[in-house]
Protein backbone atom coordinates (compact mmCIF):
# COMPACT_ATOMS: atom_id res chain seq x y z
CA MET A 1 -1.39 -14.00 -21.77
CA ARG A 2 -4.45 -11.82 -22.23
CA LYS A 3 -5.90 -11.46 -25.72
CA TYR A 4 -5.99 -8.24 -27.73
CA GLN A 5 -2.93 -6.71 -26.10
CA LYS A 6 -2.30 -4.54 -29.14
CA SER A 7 -5.77 -3.06 -29.53
CA LEU A 8 -6.82 -2.79 -25.87
CA LEU A 9 -5.05 -1.53 -22.77
CA ASP A 10 -3.48 -4.24 -20.66
CA PRO A 11 -2.42 -3.10 -17.17
CA GLU A 12 0.84 -5.03 -17.48
CA GLN A 13 1.88 -2.89 -20.46
CA CYS A 14 0.90 0.53 -19.12
CA ALA A 15 2.26 3.36 -17.01
CA VAL A 16 0.37 6.50 -15.97
CA LEU A 17 1.96 9.96 -15.97
CA ILE A 18 0.33 12.74 -13.94
CA ILE A 19 1.78 16.01 -15.24
CA ASP A 20 1.72 19.43 -13.57
CA HIS A 21 -1.48 19.31 -11.53
CA GLU A 22 -0.27 22.37 -9.63
CA PRO A 23 -2.06 25.50 -8.37
CA GLN A 24 -0.57 27.94 -10.87
CA MET A 25 -1.45 25.60 -13.72
CA TYR A 26 -5.03 25.14 -12.46
CA PHE A 27 -5.46 28.91 -12.19
CA GLY A 28 -5.03 29.20 -15.95
CA VAL A 29 -7.46 26.42 -16.93
CA GLU A 30 -10.56 27.69 -18.75
CA SER A 31 -11.48 24.69 -20.90
CA HIS A 32 -13.14 22.55 -18.22
CA SER A 33 -14.26 22.63 -14.62
CA ARG A 34 -11.10 22.57 -12.52
CA ARG A 35 -12.85 20.49 -9.89
CA CYS A 36 -13.88 17.91 -12.51
CA ILE A 37 -10.32 17.64 -13.82
CA MET A 38 -8.99 17.04 -10.31
CA HIS A 39 -11.81 14.56 -9.57
CA ASN A 40 -11.17 12.63 -12.79
CA THR A 41 -7.42 12.56 -12.22
CA ALA A 42 -7.90 11.12 -8.75
CA ALA A 43 -10.15 8.44 -10.27
CA LEU A 44 -7.47 7.67 -12.88
CA ILE A 45 -4.81 7.25 -10.19
CA LYS A 46 -7.06 4.96 -8.16
CA SER A 47 -7.77 2.93 -11.29
CA ALA A 48 -4.07 2.55 -12.02
CA LYS A 49 -3.22 1.51 -8.48
CA THR A 50 -6.04 -1.04 -8.41
CA PHE A 51 -4.43 -2.84 -11.34
CA GLY A 52 -0.79 -2.41 -10.28
CA VAL A 53 -0.03 0.12 -13.00
CA PRO A 54 2.99 2.35 -12.18
CA VAL A 55 2.10 5.99 -11.51
CA ILE A 56 4.66 8.75 -12.09
CA LEU A 57 4.07 12.30 -10.88
CA THR A 58 5.90 15.31 -12.24
CA THR A 59 5.81 19.04 -11.52
CA VAL A 60 7.29 22.06 -13.28
CA THR A 61 9.15 24.73 -11.26
CA GLU A 62 7.34 23.73 -8.10
CA LYS A 63 9.20 26.06 -5.75
CA GLU A 64 9.81 28.94 -8.14
CA PHE A 65 6.39 29.40 -9.74
CA SER A 66 3.79 26.64 -10.09
CA GLY A 67 3.53 25.39 -6.50
CA PRO A 68 3.28 21.81 -5.21
CA MET A 69 1.12 19.20 -6.86
CA ALA A 70 -2.49 19.29 -5.69
CA LYS A 71 -2.91 17.44 -2.39
CA LEU A 72 -5.93 15.52 -3.67
CA ILE A 73 -3.63 14.00 -6.28
CA THR A 74 -0.66 13.24 -4.05
CA ASP A 75 -2.89 11.78 -1.32
CA TYR A 76 -3.84 8.96 -3.69
CA ALA A 77 -0.22 8.20 -4.50
CA PRO A 78 1.63 8.92 -1.24
CA GLU A 79 4.53 6.68 -2.20
CA CYS A 80 5.24 8.73 -5.34
CA VAL A 81 7.55 11.72 -5.00
CA PRO A 82 6.83 14.18 -7.83
CA ILE A 83 9.78 14.69 -10.16
CA ASP A 84 10.32 18.43 -10.42
CA ARG A 85 11.80 19.94 -13.56
CA THR A 86 12.26 23.19 -15.46
CA ALA A 87 11.49 21.98 -19.00
CA ILE A 88 7.94 22.59 -20.22
CA ASN A 89 8.27 19.30 -22.09
CA CYS A 90 8.68 16.69 -19.35
CA TRP A 91 10.08 14.23 -21.89
CA GLU A 92 13.15 16.46 -22.18
CA ASP A 93 13.88 15.98 -18.48
CA ASP A 94 16.30 13.09 -17.93
CA ASN A 95 14.96 12.19 -14.47
CA LEU A 96 11.41 11.87 -15.74
CA LYS A 97 12.37 10.02 -18.88
CA ASN A 98 14.55 7.59 -16.91
CA ALA A 99 11.68 6.92 -14.51
CA VAL A 100 9.43 6.00 -17.43
CA VAL A 101 12.09 3.82 -19.06
CA ALA A 102 12.60 2.02 -15.74
CA THR A 103 8.97 0.85 -15.74
CA LYS A 104 9.62 -1.06 -18.99
CA ARG A 105 6.09 -0.13 -20.08
CA LYS A 106 5.46 0.96 -23.68
CA LYS A 107 1.89 2.25 -23.35
CA LEU A 108 1.88 5.62 -21.60
CA ILE A 109 -1.34 7.15 -20.27
CA LEU A 110 -1.18 10.92 -19.71
CA SER A 111 -3.15 13.34 -17.56
CA GLY A 112 -2.09 16.93 -17.05
CA LEU A 113 -2.18 20.70 -17.39
CA TRP A 114 -2.07 22.36 -19.85
CA THR A 115 -3.19 20.21 -22.75
CA GLU A 116 -1.65 22.50 -25.35
CA ALA A 117 1.84 22.45 -23.84
CA CYS A 118 2.69 20.11 -20.98
CA ILE A 119 0.67 17.28 -22.54
CA THR A 120 1.11 17.89 -26.27
CA PHE A 121 4.88 18.36 -26.19
CA PRO A 122 5.76 15.10 -24.40
CA ALA A 123 3.03 13.13 -26.17
CA LEU A 124 4.46 13.94 -29.60
CA CYS A 125 8.01 13.17 -28.45
CA MET A 126 6.96 9.88 -26.86
CA LEU A 127 5.42 8.83 -30.16
CA GLU A 128 8.67 9.69 -31.89
CA ASP A 129 10.47 7.43 -29.40
CA ASN A 130 8.16 4.53 -30.31
CA TYR A 131 5.81 4.62 -27.33
CA GLU A 132 2.05 4.26 -27.61
CA VAL A 133 0.47 7.33 -26.06
CA PHE A 134 -3.01 7.68 -24.60
CA VAL A 135 -4.29 11.04 -23.34
CA VAL A 136 -7.10 11.00 -20.78
CA GLU A 137 -8.99 13.97 -22.16
CA ASP A 138 -11.30 14.51 -19.18
CA ALA A 139 -8.30 14.56 -16.84
CA CYS A 140 -6.59 17.35 -18.79
CA GLY A 141 -7.31 21.03 -19.22
CA GLY A 142 -6.16 23.96 -21.32
CA ALA A 143 -6.09 27.74 -21.15
CA SER A 144 -9.22 27.84 -23.33
CA LYS A 145 -11.61 25.42 -25.00
CA ALA A 146 -9.98 26.22 -28.33
CA ALA A 147 -6.50 25.57 -26.94
CA HIS A 148 -7.55 22.22 -25.47
CA CYS A 149 -9.50 21.06 -28.53
CA THR A 150 -6.83 22.14 -30.99
CA ALA A 151 -4.15 20.35 -28.95
CA MET A 152 -6.24 17.17 -28.87
CA LYS A 153 -6.74 17.32 -32.65
CA ARG A 154 -3.03 17.81 -33.22
CA MET A 155 -2.14 14.86 -31.02
CA VAL A 156 -4.76 12.57 -32.54
CA GLN A 157 -3.53 13.42 -36.02
CA ALA A 158 -0.04 12.40 -34.90
CA GLY A 159 -1.24 9.07 -33.47
CA VAL A 160 -2.18 9.74 -29.86
CA VAL A 161 -5.28 7.87 -28.63
CA PRO A 162 -7.83 9.97 -26.69
CA MET A 163 -9.61 8.34 -23.75
CA THR A 164 -11.58 9.11 -20.61
CA TRP A 165 -10.68 7.94 -17.11
CA GLN A 166 -13.69 5.63 -16.94
CA GLN A 167 -12.76 4.05 -20.25
CA VAL A 168 -9.29 3.34 -18.86
CA LEU A 169 -10.77 1.70 -15.76
CA LEU A 170 -13.18 -0.50 -17.70
CA GLU A 171 -10.55 -1.46 -20.26
CA PHE A 172 -8.27 -2.57 -17.44
CA GLN A 173 -11.09 -4.65 -15.91
CA ARG A 174 -12.30 -6.08 -19.27
CA ASP A 175 -14.25 -8.96 -17.68
CA TRP A 176 -16.59 -8.81 -14.69
CA SER A 177 -15.52 -12.35 -13.78
CA ASN A 178 -12.16 -10.87 -12.75
CA LYS A 179 -13.01 -11.01 -9.05
CA ASP A 180 -9.55 -9.92 -7.88
CA THR A 181 -10.35 -6.35 -8.86
CA TYR A 182 -14.14 -6.41 -9.17
CA GLN A 183 -14.97 -4.84 -5.81
CA ALA A 184 -12.27 -2.20 -6.08
CA VAL A 185 -13.59 -1.25 -9.52
CA MET A 186 -17.12 -1.02 -8.17
CA ASP A 187 -15.88 1.20 -5.34
CA ILE A 188 -14.18 3.55 -7.83
CA VAL A 189 -17.28 3.65 -10.02
CA THR A 190 -19.50 4.36 -7.01
CA GLU A 191 -17.25 7.18 -5.78
CA TYR A 192 -16.40 8.84 -9.10
CA GLY A 193 -18.77 7.50 -11.75
CA GLY A 194 -21.63 9.96 -11.44
CA ALA A 195 -24.93 8.49 -12.63
CA TYR A 196 -23.21 5.19 -13.41
CA GLY A 197 -22.01 5.03 -9.82
CA LEU A 198 -25.49 5.87 -8.58
CA GLY A 199 -26.79 2.98 -10.66
CA VAL A 200 -24.32 0.65 -8.96
CA GLU A 201 -25.51 1.85 -5.55
CA TYR A 202 -29.11 1.29 -6.60
CA ALA A 203 -28.41 -2.24 -7.82
CA GLN A 204 -26.52 -3.12 -4.66
CA ALA A 205 -29.40 -1.85 -2.55
CA MET A 206 -32.27 -3.31 -4.56
CA VAL A 207 -31.06 -6.63 -5.97
CA PRO A 208 -30.77 -8.37 -2.57
CA ALA A 209 -34.29 -7.19 -1.74
CA TYR A 210 -35.63 -8.62 -5.00
CA ALA A 211 -33.72 -11.87 -4.40
CA GLN A 212 -35.47 -12.30 -1.07
CA GLY A 213 -38.83 -11.82 -2.74
């Protein structure tokens, strides 16, 4: 058993929920770059799948109003059929809640739109139902910066843990001697990690040259 399972994320204890990454929801986002949110969410999904963490997708009124989940998101989890619902609070939807319960995971990692509603509502209810809740702040967005920041403060005060997608990935990896996932992690970092990923590319290109003298 891995150490520090209470304080750090262990992939075997976690499930990832991707909530309402739909066109109509993106249209209303003003707190962050929409492209960055989508990019970071894709990275989060890839990170979860690399470590065998269950991914659950959910949409709200897909056919009536919000539209289908963004293709960039569903392309990374083609085996996952989004659970559509009418409740703003996905935790009040029996199909979604049952899917989470079925994973038998007690640490829930959330990404979604909007932070102030479709993330805050279920996060607070999950806490009340004795789950540990982690919100990936850079994979969420709100209708304004104030709405997003206020929602994050409210959740943190209640006990939610804020994170970033890259923090999730590195916390899952924990040790670079874990060779089973090392290369996949490096691939994710290279593709999505910005300057960090560029540094990985540089090292991969230059270190062999230095080794050869």
